[in-house]
Amino acid sequence: MRISTPTPDGMAVQRVAEAAPADAAEAVAPAAPAPSPLQSAVLQPALQAMRDMPEIDQEKVDLLRNALAKGELPFDPGKLAGLIQRFHGSEQ
């Protein structure tokens, strides 16, 4: 199960859980209202394009990894540590 969590700086972090929560099987979601025909026709191509995209853009990952290795992309480990602490709620 994928869970997206927004962070204060606007980035979304995805977490992957091995299984759904125990009570999820018992919970029944109310039926969503049917989308209007116009909304459906407008959004369907975008939704399909998103479904067709790979989960990870490996080309972009490789470009960023190479730029970091060459020193072309600035990296501030202190800033990263601060963002991790803020995300996990352990600001001190």
Protein backbone atom coordinates (compact mmCIF):
# COMPACT_ATOMS: atom_id res chain seq x y z
CA MET A 1 0.00 0.00 0.00
CA ARG A 2 1.38 3.44 -0.91
CA ILE A 3 0.77 6.39 1.37
CA SER A 4 1.62 9.93 0.23
CA THR A 5 2.36 12.45 2.95
CA PRO A 6 2.80 16.16 2.20
CA THR A 7 5.66 17.94 3.96
CA PRO A 8 5.70 21.60 5.09
CA ASP A 9 7.87 22.56 2.12
CA GLY A 10 5.30 21.23 -0.36
CA MET A 11 7.07 18.00 -1.27
CA ALA A 12 5.19 14.73 -1.08
CA VAL A 13 6.81 11.69 0.46
CA GLN A 14 5.59 8.21 -0.36
CA ARG A 15 5.77 5.36 2.10
CA VAL A 16 5.14 1.73 1.28
CA ALA A 17 3.45 -0.53 3.81
CA GLU A 18 3.54 -4.32 3.58
CA ALA A 19 -0.19 -4.60 4.27
CA ALA A 20 -3.26 -2.49 4.88
CA PRO A 21 -4.20 -1.70 8.49
CA ALA A 22 -6.07 -4.54 10.18
CA ASP A 23 -9.35 -2.65 10.39
CA ALA A 24 -9.19 -1.54 6.72
CA ALA A 25 -10.87 -4.72 5.52
CA GLU A 26 -13.81 -4.06 7.81
CA ALA A 27 -14.21 -0.42 6.83
CA VAL A 28 -16.59 0.29 3.98
CA ALA A 29 -16.07 3.53 2.10
CA PRO A 30 -19.19 5.42 1.10
CA ALA A 31 -19.91 5.36 -2.61
CA ALA A 32 -18.38 8.34 -4.39
CA PRO A 33 -20.72 10.40 -6.53
CA ALA A 34 -20.40 9.71 -10.24
CA PRO A 35 -18.29 12.33 -12.05
CA SER A 36 -20.07 14.61 -14.47
CA PRO A 37 -19.66 13.57 -18.13
CA LEU A 38 -17.63 16.71 -18.89
CA GLN A 39 -15.30 16.18 -15.94
CA SER A 40 -14.84 12.55 -16.85
CA ALA A 41 -14.08 13.33 -20.50
CA VAL A 42 -11.59 16.05 -19.55
CA LEU A 43 -9.78 14.12 -16.82
CA GLN A 44 -9.65 10.65 -18.35
CA PRO A 45 -6.72 11.34 -20.73
CA ALA A 46 -4.71 12.89 -17.90
CA LEU A 47 -5.52 10.00 -15.56
CA GLN A 48 -4.53 7.47 -18.20
CA ALA A 49 -1.27 9.34 -18.89
CA MET A 50 -0.46 9.22 -15.16
CA ARG A 51 -1.23 5.49 -15.03
CA ASP A 52 1.10 4.91 -18.00
CA MET A 53 4.02 6.73 -16.34
CA PRO A 54 6.64 4.62 -14.56
CA GLU A 55 6.72 4.90 -10.76
CA ILE A 56 10.36 5.99 -10.89
CA ASP A 57 11.83 8.22 -13.59
CA GLN A 58 15.12 6.29 -13.82
CA GLU A 59 16.57 8.69 -16.40
CA LYS A 60 16.08 11.63 -14.04
CA VAL A 61 17.51 9.64 -11.11
CA ASP A 62 20.60 8.83 -13.17
CA LEU A 63 21.05 12.48 -14.23
CA LEU A 64 20.82 13.69 -10.62
CA ARG A 65 23.14 10.94 -9.37
CA ASN A 66 25.75 11.85 -12.01
CA ALA A 67 25.45 15.58 -11.28
CA LEU A 68 25.98 14.92 -7.56
CA ALA A 69 28.99 12.71 -8.27
CA LYS A 70 30.55 15.41 -10.49
CA GLY A 71 29.89 18.14 -7.92
CA GLU A 72 27.58 19.97 -10.33
CA LEU A 73 24.64 19.83 -7.92
CA PRO A 74 25.07 21.46 -4.52
CA PHE A 75 24.41 19.22 -1.55
CA ASP A 76 23.98 20.51 2.00
CA PRO A 77 23.92 17.56 4.44
CA GLY A 78 22.97 19.87 7.33
CA LYS A 79 19.91 21.11 5.46
CA LEU A 80 18.94 17.54 4.57
CA ALA A 81 19.26 16.48 8.22
CA GLY A 82 17.09 19.42 9.29
CA LEU A 83 14.41 18.54 6.75
CA ILE A 84 14.41 14.91 7.90
CA GLN A 85 14.06 15.98 11.54
CA ARG A 86 11.26 18.41 10.70
CA PHE A 87 9.42 15.79 8.65
CA HIS A 88 9.58 13.23 11.44
CA GLY A 89 8.48 15.80 14.02
CA SER A 90 11.64 15.80 16.11
CA GLU A 91 12.42 19.52 15.88
CA GLN A 92 14.53 20.58 18.83
